[in-house]
Amino acid sequence: MANDHNIYMGSGNYSQSIKGNYIQGNFISRSQDLSEVATQIQESLIQLQTQGYTPQDAQQKVASDLVSQANNDSQAKSRLVKLRQYVLDAGANGLIGEAVVGVVKLALGLLGIPL
């Protein structure tokens, strides 16, 4: 789209080309514990689905945001690897949804990090 604008928001980017008012998440902040990261991922998935994204497209978008953040910050990449074990354990115990587990697995796969 010729009129797309990306505006840096401090903790994410606003992209005018995305349906609705989605703000790219800063999911892997150093100050957040892993349960907060998982909650933020879930909230972003819900927000995107409310705006008309399919569950699969919402997962792809959030995973892409995670990959972008990990590619720009080596500490974020390290936290994403730690998040993997947290979401696998929490998902197995029913503490978080399978969609969050799927997002983290997809992001790690896109980064070439083995599950």
PDB file of N, CA and C in Angstrom:
ATOM      1  N   MET A   1       0.835  -1.165   0.000  1.00  0.00           N
ATOM      2  CA  MET A   1       0.000   0.000   0.000  1.00  0.00           C
ATOM      3  C   MET A   1       0.888   1.239   0.000  1.00  0.00           C
ATOM      4  N   ALA A   2       0.627   2.167  -0.868  1.00  0.00           N
ATOM      5  CA  ALA A   2       1.489   3.331  -1.033  1.00  0.00           C
ATOM      6  C   ALA A   2       1.425   4.287   0.140  1.00  0.00           C
ATOM      7  N   ASN A   3       0.339   4.300   0.880  1.00  0.00           N
ATOM      8  CA  ASN A   3       0.175   5.249   1.978  1.00  0.00           C
ATOM      9  C   ASN A   3       0.436   4.635   3.343  1.00  0.00           C
ATOM     10  N   ASP A   4       1.125   3.504   3.409  1.00  0.00           N
ATOM     11  CA  ASP A   4       1.420   2.874   4.691  1.00  0.00           C
ATOM     12  C   ASP A   4       2.367   3.759   5.501  1.00  0.00           C
ATOM     13  N   HIS A   5       2.097   3.812   6.776  1.00  0.00           N
ATOM     14  CA  HIS A   5       2.970   4.555   7.679  1.00  0.00           C
ATOM     15  C   HIS A   5       3.279   3.676   8.872  1.00  0.00           C
ATOM     16  N   ASN A   6       4.518   3.608   9.276  1.00  0.00           N
ATOM     17  CA  ASN A   6       4.915   2.943  10.502  1.00  0.00           C
ATOM     18  C   ASN A   6       5.413   4.019  11.446  1.00  0.00           C
ATOM     19  N   ILE A   7       4.842   4.055  12.626  1.00  0.00           N
ATOM     20  CA  ILE A   7       5.176   5.084  13.605  1.00  0.00           C
ATOM     21  C   ILE A   7       5.735   4.396  14.827  1.00  0.00           C
ATOM     22  N   TYR A   8       6.959   4.738  15.221  1.00  0.00           N
ATOM     23  CA  TYR A   8       7.563   4.146  16.408  1.00  0.00           C
ATOM     24  C   TYR A   8       6.826   4.642  17.638  1.00  0.00           C
ATOM     25  N   MET A   9       6.402   3.710  18.505  1.00  0.00           N
ATOM     26  CA  MET A   9       5.596   4.055  19.675  1.00  0.00           C
ATOM     27  C   MET A   9       6.362   3.898  20.986  1.00  0.00           C
ATOM     28  N   GLY A  10       7.649   3.695  20.952  1.00  0.00           N
ATOM     29  CA  GLY A  10       8.424   3.523  22.174  1.00  0.00           C
ATOM     30  C   GLY A  10       8.490   2.073  22.598  1.00  0.00           C
ATOM     31  N   SER A  11       7.352   1.410  22.691  1.00  0.00           N
ATOM     32  CA  SER A  11       7.352   0.012  23.091  1.00  0.00           C
ATOM     33  C   SER A  11       6.820  -0.872  21.973  1.00  0.00           C
ATOM     34  N   GLY A  12       6.723  -0.340  20.790  1.00  0.00           N
ATOM     35  CA  GLY A  12       6.218  -1.093  19.651  1.00  0.00           C
ATOM     36  C   GLY A  12       6.029  -0.147  18.497  1.00  0.00           C
ATOM     37  N   ASN A  13       5.497  -0.630  17.413  1.00  0.00           N
ATOM     38  CA  ASN A  13       5.257   0.198  16.245  1.00  0.00           C
ATOM     39  C   ASN A  13       3.787   0.159  15.888  1.00  0.00           C
ATOM     40  N   TYR A  14       3.251   1.290  15.490  1.00  0.00           N
ATOM     41  CA  TYR A  14       1.895   1.361  14.986  1.00  0.00           C
ATOM     42  C   TYR A  14       2.002   1.264  13.475  1.00  0.00           C
ATOM     43  N   SER A  15       1.270   0.375  12.882  1.00  0.00           N
ATOM     44  CA  SER A  15       1.297   0.223  11.436  1.00  0.00           C
ATOM     45  C   SER A  15      -0.092   0.507  10.899  1.00  0.00           C
ATOM     46  N   GLN A  16      -0.204   1.515  10.073  1.00  0.00           N
ATOM     47  CA  GLN A  16      -1.492   1.934   9.542  1.00  0.00           C
ATOM     48  C   GLN A  16      -2.069   0.890   8.589  1.00  0.00           C
ATOM     49  N   SER A  17      -1.229   0.048   8.003  1.00  0.00           N
ATOM     50  CA  SER A  17      -1.710  -0.924   7.028  1.00  0.00           C
ATOM     51  C   SER A  17      -2.397  -2.115   7.669  1.00  0.00           C
ATOM     52  N   ILE A  18      -2.292  -2.280   8.980  1.00  0.00           N
ATOM     53  CA  ILE A  18      -2.914  -3.397   9.678  1.00  0.00           C
ATOM     54  C   ILE A  18      -4.337  -2.999  10.038  1.00  0.00           C
ATOM     55  N   LYS A  19      -5.272  -3.926   9.852  1.00  0.00           N
ATOM     56  CA  LYS A  19      -6.667  -3.658  10.190  1.00  0.00           C
ATOM     57  C   LYS A  19      -6.766  -3.221  11.649  1.00  0.00           C
ATOM     58  N   GLY A  20      -7.605  -2.230  11.924  1.00  0.00           N
ATOM     59  CA  GLY A  20      -7.829  -1.812  13.302  1.00  0.00           C
ATOM     60  C   GLY A  20      -6.688  -0.965  13.837  1.00  0.00           C
ATOM     61  N   ASN A  21      -6.445  -1.073  15.116  1.00  0.00           N
ATOM     62  CA  ASN A  21      -5.451  -0.251  15.789  1.00  0.00           C
ATOM     63  C   ASN A  21      -4.402  -1.100  16.486  1.00  0.00           C
ATOM     64  N   TYR A  22      -3.919  -2.104  15.837  1.00  0.00           N
ATOM     65  CA  TYR A  22      -2.930  -3.000  16.436  1.00  0.00           C
ATOM     66  C   TYR A  22      -1.609  -2.282  16.626  1.00  0.00           C
ATOM     67  N   ILE A  23      -1.055  -2.371  17.812  1.00  0.00           N
ATOM     68  CA  ILE A  23       0.274  -1.833  18.088  1.00  0.00           C
ATOM     69  C   ILE A  23       1.198  -3.007  18.312  1.00  0.00           C
ATOM     70  N   GLN A  24       2.261  -3.068  17.522  1.00  0.00           N
ATOM     71  CA  GLN A  24       3.223  -4.162  17.620  1.00  0.00           C
ATOM     72  C   GLN A  24       3.748  -4.229  19.043  1.00  0.00           C
ATOM     73  N   GLY A  25       3.687  -5.402  19.624  1.00  0.00           N
ATOM     74  CA  GLY A  25       4.073  -5.552  21.014  1.00  0.00           C
ATOM     75  C   GLY A  25       5.564  -5.618  21.237  1.00  0.00           C
ATOM     76  N   ASN A  26       5.981  -5.114  22.371  1.00  0.00           N
ATOM     77  CA  ASN A  26       7.332  -5.289  22.859  1.00  0.00           C
ATOM     78  C   ASN A  26       7.226  -6.433  23.864  1.00  0.00           C
ATOM     79  N   PHE A  27       7.092  -7.657  23.325  1.00  0.00           N
ATOM     80  CA  PHE A  27       6.709  -8.801  24.121  1.00  0.00           C
ATOM     81  C   PHE A  27       7.774  -9.274  25.098  1.00  0.00           C
ATOM     82  N   ILE A  28       9.012  -9.083  24.778  1.00  0.00           N
ATOM     83  CA  ILE A  28      10.056  -9.737  25.560  1.00  0.00           C
ATOM     84  C   ILE A  28      10.879  -8.704  26.320  1.00  0.00           C
ATOM     85  N   SER A  29      10.204  -7.816  26.981  1.00  0.00           N
ATOM     86  CA  SER A  29      10.852  -6.778  27.762  1.00  0.00           C
ATOM     87  C   SER A  29      11.642  -7.397  28.916  1.00  0.00           C
ATOM     88  N   ARG A  30      12.779  -6.826  29.222  1.00  0.00           N
ATOM     89  CA  ARG A  30      13.602  -7.332  30.319  1.00  0.00           C
ATOM     90  C   ARG A  30      12.902  -7.215  31.669  1.00  0.00           C
ATOM     91  N   SER A  31      11.980  -6.279  31.788  1.00  0.00           N
ATOM     92  CA  SER A  31      11.352  -6.048  33.080  1.00  0.00           C
ATOM     93  C   SER A  31      10.143  -6.951  33.333  1.00  0.00           C
ATOM     94  N   GLN A  32       9.676  -7.663  32.332  1.00  0.00           N
ATOM     95  CA  GLN A  32       8.506  -8.516  32.499  1.00  0.00           C
ATOM     96  C   GLN A  32       8.911  -9.927  32.894  1.00  0.00           C
ATOM     97  N   ASP A  33       8.081 -10.549  33.751  1.00  0.00           N
ATOM     98  CA  ASP A  33       8.322 -11.961  33.977  1.00  0.00           C
ATOM     99  C   ASP A  33       7.631 -12.735  32.853  1.00  0.00           C
ATOM    100  N   LEU A  34       7.938 -13.998  32.731  1.00  0.00           N
ATOM    101  CA  LEU A  34       7.480 -14.774  31.586  1.00  0.00           C
ATOM    102  C   LEU A  34       5.964 -14.943  31.560  1.00  0.00           C
ATOM    103  N   SER A  35       5.333 -14.974  32.721  1.00  0.00           N
ATOM    104  CA  SER A  35       3.873 -15.085  32.725  1.00  0.00           C
ATOM    105  C   SER A  35       3.234 -13.824  32.146  1.00  0.00           C
ATOM    106  N   GLU A  36       3.839 -12.664  32.386  1.00  0.00           N
ATOM    107  CA  GLU A  36       3.341 -11.418  31.804  1.00  0.00           C
ATOM    108  C   GLU A  36       3.505 -11.417  30.292  1.00  0.00           C
ATOM    109  N   VAL A  37       4.611 -11.966  29.813  1.00  0.00           N
ATOM    110  CA  VAL A  37       4.847 -12.061  28.369  1.00  0.00           C
ATOM    111  C   VAL A  37       3.778 -12.939  27.733  1.00  0.00           C
ATOM    112  N   ALA A  38       3.506 -14.086  28.342  1.00  0.00           N
ATOM    113  CA  ALA A  38       2.487 -14.995  27.814  1.00  0.00           C
ATOM    114  C   ALA A  38       1.118 -14.327  27.800  1.00  0.00           C
ATOM    115  N   THR A  39       0.799 -13.578  28.851  1.00  0.00           N
ATOM    116  CA  THR A  39      -0.475 -12.863  28.921  1.00  0.00           C
ATOM    117  C   THR A  39      -0.565 -11.809  27.829  1.00  0.00           C
ATOM    118  N   GLN A  40       0.520 -11.090  27.594  1.00  0.00           N
ATOM    119  CA  GLN A  40       0.537 -10.062  26.560  1.00  0.00           C
ATOM    120  C   GLN A  40       0.354 -10.687  25.182  1.00  0.00           C
ATOM    121  N   ILE A  41       0.964 -11.828  24.951  1.00  0.00           N
ATOM    122  CA  ILE A  41       0.790 -12.525  23.677  1.00  0.00           C
ATOM    123  C   ILE A  41      -0.676 -12.910  23.501  1.00  0.00           C
ATOM    124  N   GLN A  42      -1.279 -13.479  24.545  1.00  0.00           N
ATOM    125  CA  GLN A  42      -2.690 -13.872  24.475  1.00  0.00           C
ATOM    126  C   GLN A  42      -3.580 -12.664  24.195  1.00  0.00           C
ATOM    127  N   GLU A  43      -3.334 -11.553  24.853  1.00  0.00           N
ATOM    128  CA  GLU A  43      -4.141 -10.348  24.647  1.00  0.00           C
ATOM    129  C   GLU A  43      -3.996  -9.834  23.217  1.00  0.00           C
ATOM    130  N   SER A  44      -2.802  -9.905  22.666  1.00  0.00           N
ATOM    131  CA  SER A  44      -2.584  -9.470  21.281  1.00  0.00           C
ATOM    132  C   SER A  44      -3.324 -10.375  20.304  1.00  0.00           C
ATOM    133  N   LEU A  45      -3.316 -11.672  20.578  1.00  0.00           N
ATOM    134  CA  LEU A  45      -4.051 -12.611  19.721  1.00  0.00           C
ATOM    135  C   LEU A  45      -5.546 -12.288  19.735  1.00  0.00           C
ATOM    136  N   ILE A  46      -6.078 -12.047  20.903  1.00  0.00           N
ATOM    137  CA  ILE A  46      -7.504 -11.716  21.029  1.00  0.00           C
ATOM    138  C   ILE A  46      -7.810 -10.414  20.297  1.00  0.00           C
ATOM    139  N   GLN A  47      -6.955  -9.426  20.466  1.00  0.00           N
ATOM    140  CA  GLN A  47      -7.155  -8.134  19.814  1.00  0.00           C
ATOM    141  C   GLN A  47      -7.187  -8.292  18.298  1.00  0.00           C
ATOM    142  N   LEU A  48      -6.248  -9.030  17.757  1.00  0.00           N
ATOM    143  CA  LEU A  48      -6.190  -9.213  16.309  1.00  0.00           C
ATOM    144  C   LEU A  48      -7.402  -9.984  15.796  1.00  0.00           C
ATOM    145  N   GLN A  49      -7.826 -11.006  16.522  1.00  0.00           N
ATOM    146  CA  GLN A  49      -8.991 -11.778  16.102  1.00  0.00           C
ATOM    147  C   GLN A  49     -10.258 -10.924  16.162  1.00  0.00           C
ATOM    148  N   THR A  50     -10.339 -10.055  17.148  1.00  0.00           N
ATOM    149  CA  THR A  50     -11.474  -9.139  17.247  1.00  0.00           C
ATOM    150  C   THR A  50     -11.519  -8.211  16.041  1.00  0.00           C
ATOM    151  N   GLN A  51     -10.357  -7.911  15.495  1.00  0.00           N
ATOM    152  CA  GLN A  51     -10.257  -7.016  14.344  1.00  0.00           C
ATOM    153  C   GLN A  51     -10.432  -7.759  13.015  1.00  0.00           C
ATOM    154  N   GLY A  52     -10.727  -9.051  13.073  1.00  0.00           N
ATOM    155  CA  GLY A  52     -11.027  -9.784  11.850  1.00  0.00           C
ATOM    156  C   GLY A  52      -9.963 -10.753  11.376  1.00  0.00           C
ATOM    157  N   TYR A  53      -8.846 -10.844  12.067  1.00  0.00           N
ATOM    158  CA  TYR A  53      -7.826 -11.807  11.695  1.00  0.00           C
ATOM    159  C   TYR A  53      -8.305 -13.217  12.034  1.00  0.00           C
ATOM    160  N   THR A  54      -7.936 -14.178  11.211  1.00  0.00           N
ATOM    161  CA  THR A  54      -8.193 -15.568  11.563  1.00  0.00           C
ATOM    162  C   THR A  54      -7.243 -15.925  12.703  1.00  0.00           C
ATOM    163  N   PRO A  55      -7.547 -16.961  13.478  1.00  0.00           N
ATOM    164  CA  PRO A  55      -6.610 -17.359  14.540  1.00  0.00           C
ATOM    165  C   PRO A  55      -5.201 -17.634  14.007  1.00  0.00           C
ATOM    166  N   GLN A  56      -5.113 -18.262  12.839  1.00  0.00           N
ATOM    167  CA  GLN A  56      -3.798 -18.569  12.263  1.00  0.00           C
ATOM    168  C   GLN A  56      -3.059 -17.298  11.851  1.00  0.00           C
ATOM    169  N   ASP A  57      -3.776 -16.346  11.231  1.00  0.00           N
ATOM    170  CA  ASP A  57      -3.140 -15.094  10.827  1.00  0.00           C
ATOM    171  C   ASP A  57      -2.702 -14.278  12.041  1.00  0.00           C
ATOM    172  N   ALA A  58      -3.508 -14.302  13.096  1.00  0.00           N
ATOM    173  CA  ALA A  58      -3.143 -13.591  14.326  1.00  0.00           C
ATOM    174  C   ALA A  58      -1.878 -14.198  14.927  1.00  0.00           C
ATOM    175  N   GLN A  59      -1.801 -15.534  14.962  1.00  0.00           N
ATOM    176  CA  GLN A  59      -0.602 -16.191  15.481  1.00  0.00           C
ATOM    177  C   GLN A  59       0.615 -15.824  14.639  1.00  0.00           C
ATOM    178  N   GLN A  60       0.454 -15.808  13.319  1.00  0.00           N
ATOM    179  CA  GLN A  60       1.565 -15.467  12.431  1.00  0.00           C
ATOM    180  C   GLN A  60       2.036 -14.036  12.674  1.00  0.00           C
ATOM    181  N   LYS A  61       1.116 -13.116  12.844  1.00  0.00           N
ATOM    182  CA  LYS A  61       1.466 -11.713  13.075  1.00  0.00           C
ATOM    183  C   LYS A  61       2.228 -11.545  14.389  1.00  0.00           C
ATOM    184  N   VAL A  62       1.716 -12.152  15.452  1.00  0.00           N
ATOM    185  CA  VAL A  62       2.376 -12.018  16.757  1.00  0.00           C
ATOM    186  C   VAL A  62       3.739 -12.709  16.730  1.00  0.00           C
ATOM    187  N   ALA A  63       3.816 -13.872  16.096  1.00  0.00           N
ATOM    188  CA  ALA A  63       5.106 -14.565  15.981  1.00  0.00           C
ATOM    189  C   ALA A  63       6.102 -13.707  15.204  1.00  0.00           C
ATOM    190  N   SER A  64       5.641 -13.059  14.146  1.00  0.00           N
ATOM    191  CA  SER A  64       6.519 -12.177  13.367  1.00  0.00           C
ATOM    192  C   SER A  64       7.022 -11.017  14.214  1.00  0.00           C
ATOM    193  N   ASP A  65       6.154 -10.486  15.088  1.00  0.00           N
ATOM    194  CA  ASP A  65       6.579  -9.420  16.000  1.00  0.00           C
ATOM    195  C   ASP A  65       7.665  -9.922  16.957  1.00  0.00           C
ATOM    196  N   LEU A  66       7.490 -11.129  17.464  1.00  0.00           N
ATOM    197  CA  LEU A  66       8.494 -11.722  18.358  1.00  0.00           C
ATOM    198  C   LEU A  66       9.819 -11.904  17.624  1.00  0.00           C
ATOM    199  N   VAL A  67       9.765 -12.390  16.404  1.00  0.00           N
ATOM    200  CA  VAL A  67      10.974 -12.603  15.609  1.00  0.00           C
ATOM    201  C   VAL A  67      11.672 -11.273  15.359  1.00  0.00           C
ATOM    202  N   SER A  68      10.905 -10.258  15.010  1.00  0.00           N
ATOM    203  CA  SER A  68      11.479  -8.939  14.760  1.00  0.00           C
ATOM    204  C   SER A  68      12.190  -8.417  16.000  1.00  0.00           C
ATOM    205  N   GLN A  69      11.547  -8.561  17.135  1.00  0.00           N
ATOM    206  CA  GLN A  69      12.164  -8.094  18.372  1.00  0.00           C
ATOM    207  C   GLN A  69      13.424  -8.903  18.695  1.00  0.00           C
ATOM    208  N   ALA A  70      13.363 -10.218  18.517  1.00  0.00           N
ATOM    209  CA  ALA A  70      14.517 -11.066  18.812  1.00  0.00           C
ATOM    210  C   ALA A  70      15.680 -10.772  17.866  1.00  0.00           C
ATOM    211  N   ASN A  71      15.378 -10.456  16.617  1.00  0.00           N
ATOM    212  CA  ASN A  71      16.430 -10.137  15.654  1.00  0.00           C
ATOM    213  C   ASN A  71      17.113  -8.812  15.956  1.00  0.00           C
ATOM    214  N   ASN A  72      16.414  -7.935  16.651  1.00  0.00           N
ATOM    215  CA  ASN A  72      16.958  -6.614  16.962  1.00  0.00           C
ATOM    216  C   ASN A  72      17.587  -6.518  18.343  1.00  0.00           C
ATOM    217  N   ASP A  73      17.469  -7.571  19.141  1.00  0.00           N
ATOM    218  CA  ASP A  73      17.957  -7.507  20.516  1.00  0.00           C
ATOM    219  C   ASP A  73      18.354  -8.919  20.958  1.00  0.00           C
ATOM    220  N   SER A  74      19.649  -9.143  21.154  1.00  0.00           N
ATOM    221  CA  SER A  74      20.113 -10.488  21.517  1.00  0.00           C
ATOM    222  C   SER A  74      19.572 -10.931  22.872  1.00  0.00           C
ATOM    223  N   GLN A  75      19.350  -9.997  23.790  1.00  0.00           N
ATOM    224  CA  GLN A  75      18.768 -10.368  25.077  1.00  0.00           C
ATOM    225  C   GLN A  75      17.307 -10.792  24.915  1.00  0.00           C
ATOM    226  N   ALA A  76      16.603 -10.170  23.994  1.00  0.00           N
ATOM    227  CA  ALA A  76      15.221 -10.562  23.721  1.00  0.00           C
ATOM    228  C   ALA A  76      15.202 -11.973  23.133  1.00  0.00           C
ATOM    229  N   LYS A  77      16.166 -12.281  22.310  1.00  0.00           N
ATOM    230  CA  LYS A  77      16.254 -13.622  21.734  1.00  0.00           C
ATOM    231  C   LYS A  77      16.493 -14.658  22.829  1.00  0.00           C
ATOM    232  N   SER A  78      17.354 -14.335  23.761  1.00  0.00           N
ATOM    233  CA  SER A  78      17.622 -15.228  24.884  1.00  0.00           C
ATOM    234  C   SER A  78      16.371 -15.429  25.734  1.00  0.00           C
ATOM    235  N   ARG A  79      15.626 -14.350  25.967  1.00  0.00           N
ATOM    236  CA  ARG A  79      14.383 -14.458  26.744  1.00  0.00           C
ATOM    237  C   ARG A  79      13.330 -15.269  25.993  1.00  0.00           C
ATOM    238  N   LEU A  80      13.331 -15.188  24.671  1.00  0.00           N
ATOM    239  CA  LEU A  80      12.396 -15.986  23.883  1.00  0.00           C
ATOM    240  C   LEU A  80      12.682 -17.472  24.057  1.00  0.00           C
ATOM    241  N   VAL A  81      13.955 -17.825  24.121  1.00  0.00           N
ATOM    242  CA  VAL A  81      14.326 -19.226  24.354  1.00  0.00           C
ATOM    243  C   VAL A  81      13.836 -19.654  25.742  1.00  0.00           C
ATOM    244  N   LYS A  82      13.981 -18.807  26.741  1.00  0.00           N
ATOM    245  CA  LYS A  82      13.473 -19.122  28.083  1.00  0.00           C
ATOM    246  C   LYS A  82      11.947 -19.211  28.086  1.00  0.00           C
ATOM    247  N   LEU A  83      11.319 -18.371  27.292  1.00  0.00           N
ATOM    248  CA  LEU A  83       9.866 -18.372  27.193  1.00  0.00           C
ATOM    249  C   LEU A  83       9.368 -19.702  26.637  1.00  0.00           C
ATOM    250  N   ARG A  84      10.149 -20.298  25.764  1.00  0.00           N
ATOM    251  CA  ARG A  84       9.774 -21.593  25.186  1.00  0.00           C
ATOM    252  C   ARG A  84       9.463 -22.603  26.278  1.00  0.00           C
ATOM    253  N   GLN A  85      10.368 -22.777  27.220  1.00  0.00           N
ATOM    254  CA  GLN A  85      10.147 -23.771  28.281  1.00  0.00           C
ATOM    255  C   GLN A  85       8.979 -23.385  29.171  1.00  0.00           C
ATOM    256  N   TYR A  86       8.853 -22.084  29.450  1.00  0.00           N
ATOM    257  CA  TYR A  86       7.743 -21.636  30.280  1.00  0.00           C
ATOM    258  C   TYR A  86       6.402 -21.970  29.624  1.00  0.00           C
ATOM    259  N   VAL A  87       6.249 -21.644  28.336  1.00  0.00           N
ATOM    260  CA  VAL A  87       4.950 -21.876  27.697  1.00  0.00           C
ATOM    261  C   VAL A  87       4.678 -23.362  27.504  1.00  0.00           C
ATOM    262  N   LEU A  88       5.721 -24.152  27.287  1.00  0.00           N
ATOM    263  CA  LEU A  88       5.501 -25.598  27.170  1.00  0.00           C
ATOM    264  C   LEU A  88       4.996 -26.161  28.495  1.00  0.00           C
ATOM    265  N   ASP A  89       5.616 -25.760  29.591  1.00  0.00           N
ATOM    266  CA  ASP A  89       5.182 -26.216  30.918  1.00  0.00           C
ATOM    267  C   ASP A  89       3.794 -25.678  31.259  1.00  0.00           C
ATOM    268  N   ALA A  90       3.578 -24.382  31.049  1.00  0.00           N
ATOM    269  CA  ALA A  90       2.294 -23.765  31.385  1.00  0.00           C
ATOM    270  C   ALA A  90       1.184 -24.305  30.495  1.00  0.00           C
ATOM    271  N   GLY A  91       1.489 -24.560  29.234  1.00  0.00           N
ATOM    272  CA  GLY A  91       0.496 -25.127  28.332  1.00  0.00           C
ATOM    273  C   GLY A  91       0.116 -26.538  28.742  1.00  0.00           C
ATOM    274  N   ALA A  92       1.089 -27.323  29.141  1.00  0.00           N
ATOM    275  CA  ALA A  92       0.832 -28.693  29.580  1.00  0.00           C
ATOM    276  C   ALA A  92      -0.011 -28.713  30.851  1.00  0.00           C
ATOM    277  N   ASN A  93       0.132 -27.696  31.677  1.00  0.00           N
ATOM    278  CA  ASN A  93      -0.636 -27.612  32.926  1.00  0.00           C
ATOM    279  C   ASN A  93      -1.944 -26.848  32.761  1.00  0.00           C
ATOM    280  N   GLY A  94      -2.257 -26.437  31.536  1.00  0.00           N
ATOM    281  CA  GLY A  94      -3.507 -25.733  31.284  1.00  0.00           C
ATOM    282  C   GLY A  94      -3.528 -24.298  31.767  1.00  0.00           C
ATOM    283  N   LEU A  95      -2.367 -23.724  32.050  1.00  0.00           N
ATOM    284  CA  LEU A  95      -2.307 -22.357  32.569  1.00  0.00           C
ATOM    285  C   LEU A  95      -2.388 -21.309  31.460  1.00  0.00           C
ATOM    286  N   ILE A  96      -2.004 -21.686  30.250  1.00  0.00           N
ATOM    287  CA  ILE A  96      -2.110 -20.793  29.099  1.00  0.00           C
ATOM    288  C   ILE A  96      -2.680 -21.588  27.937  1.00  0.00           C
ATOM    289  N   GLY A  97      -3.218 -20.880  26.970  1.00  0.00           N
ATOM    290  CA  GLY A  97      -3.825 -21.522  25.818  1.00  0.00           C
ATOM    291  C   GLY A  97      -2.813 -22.051  24.817  1.00  0.00           C
ATOM    292  N   GLU A  98      -3.290 -22.989  24.026  1.00  0.00           N
ATOM    293  CA  GLU A  98      -2.449 -23.571  22.982  1.00  0.00           C
ATOM    294  C   GLU A  98      -2.020 -22.532  21.950  1.00  0.00           C
ATOM    295  N   ALA A  99      -2.817 -21.472  21.767  1.00  0.00           N
ATOM    296  CA  ALA A  99      -2.461 -20.444  20.795  1.00  0.00           C
ATOM    297  C   ALA A  99      -1.158 -19.750  21.177  1.00  0.00           C
ATOM    298  N   VAL A 100      -0.967 -19.496  22.469  1.00  0.00           N
ATOM    299  CA  VAL A 100       0.270 -18.856  22.930  1.00  0.00           C
ATOM    300  C   VAL A 100       1.447 -19.796  22.708  1.00  0.00           C
ATOM    301  N   VAL A 101       1.261 -21.072  23.020  1.00  0.00           N
ATOM    302  CA  VAL A 101       2.304 -22.070  22.779  1.00  0.00           C
ATOM    303  C   VAL A 101       2.637 -22.096  21.299  1.00  0.00           C
ATOM    304  N   GLY A 102       1.602 -22.057  20.454  1.00  0.00           N
ATOM    305  CA  GLY A 102       1.806 -22.070  19.008  1.00  0.00           C
ATOM    306  C   GLY A 102       2.589 -20.870  18.511  1.00  0.00           C
ATOM    307  N   VAL A 103       2.302 -19.701  19.060  1.00  0.00           N
ATOM    308  CA  VAL A 103       3.014 -18.479  18.666  1.00  0.00           C
ATOM    309  C   VAL A 103       4.499 -18.601  18.989  1.00  0.00           C
ATOM    310  N   VAL A 104       4.811 -19.043  20.196  1.00  0.00           N
ATOM    311  CA  VAL A 104       6.214 -19.154  20.605  1.00  0.00           C
ATOM    312  C   VAL A 104       6.929 -20.198  19.764  1.00  0.00           C
ATOM    313  N   LYS A 105       6.285 -21.334  19.519  1.00  0.00           N
ATOM    314  CA  LYS A 105       6.897 -22.364  18.669  1.00  0.00           C
ATOM    315  C   LYS A 105       7.140 -21.837  17.255  1.00  0.00           C
ATOM    316  N   LEU A 106       6.152 -21.123  16.720  1.00  0.00           N
ATOM    317  CA  LEU A 106       6.292 -20.557  15.379  1.00  0.00           C
ATOM    318  C   LEU A 106       7.436 -19.550  15.326  1.00  0.00           C
ATOM    319  N   ALA A 107       7.516 -18.680  16.316  1.00  0.00           N
ATOM    320  CA  ALA A 107       8.586 -17.678  16.357  1.00  0.00           C
ATOM    321  C   ALA A 107       9.960 -18.347  16.423  1.00  0.00           C
ATOM    322  N   LEU A 108      10.081 -19.344  17.287  1.00  0.00           N
ATOM    323  CA  LEU A 108      11.365 -20.038  17.402  1.00  0.00           C
ATOM    324  C   LEU A 108      11.714 -20.749  16.097  1.00  0.00           C
ATOM    325  N   GLY A 109      10.727 -21.353  15.463  1.00  0.00           N
ATOM    326  CA  GLY A 109      10.964 -22.006  14.182  1.00  0.00           C
ATOM    327  C   GLY A 109      11.437 -21.017  13.128  1.00  0.00           C
ATOM    328  N   LEU A 110      10.820 -19.834  13.089  1.00  0.00           N
ATOM    329  CA  LEU A 110      11.226 -18.806  12.131  1.00  0.00           C
ATOM    330  C   LEU A 110      12.647 -18.321  12.393  1.00  0.00           C
ATOM    331  N   LEU A 111      13.060 -18.391  13.645  1.00  0.00           N
ATOM    332  CA  LEU A 111      14.430 -17.994  14.016  1.00  0.00           C
ATOM    333  C   LEU A 111      15.430 -19.123  13.829  1.00  0.00           C
ATOM    334  N   GLY A 112      14.923 -20.324  13.523  1.00  0.00           N
ATOM    335  CA  GLY A 112      15.810 -21.473  13.344  1.00  0.00           C
ATOM    336  C   GLY A 112      16.281 -22.065  14.661  1.00  0.00           C
ATOM    337  N   ILE A 113      15.533 -21.810  15.745  1.00  0.00           N
ATOM    338  CA  ILE A 113      15.887 -22.341  17.059  1.00  0.00           C
ATOM    339  C   ILE A 113      15.087 -23.616  17.278  1.00  0.00           C
ATOM    340  N   PRO A 114      15.761 -24.721  17.556  1.00  0.00           N
ATOM    341  CA  PRO A 114      15.031 -25.980  17.713  1.00  0.00           C
ATOM    342  C   PRO A 114      14.074 -25.956  18.904  1.00  0.00           C
ATOM    343  N   LEU A 115      12.962 -26.642  18.719  1.00  0.00           N
ATOM    344  CA  LEU A 115      11.968 -26.719  19.785  1.00  0.00           C
ATOM    345  C   LEU A 115      12.385 -27.786  20.723  1.00  0.00           C
TER     346      LEU A 115
END
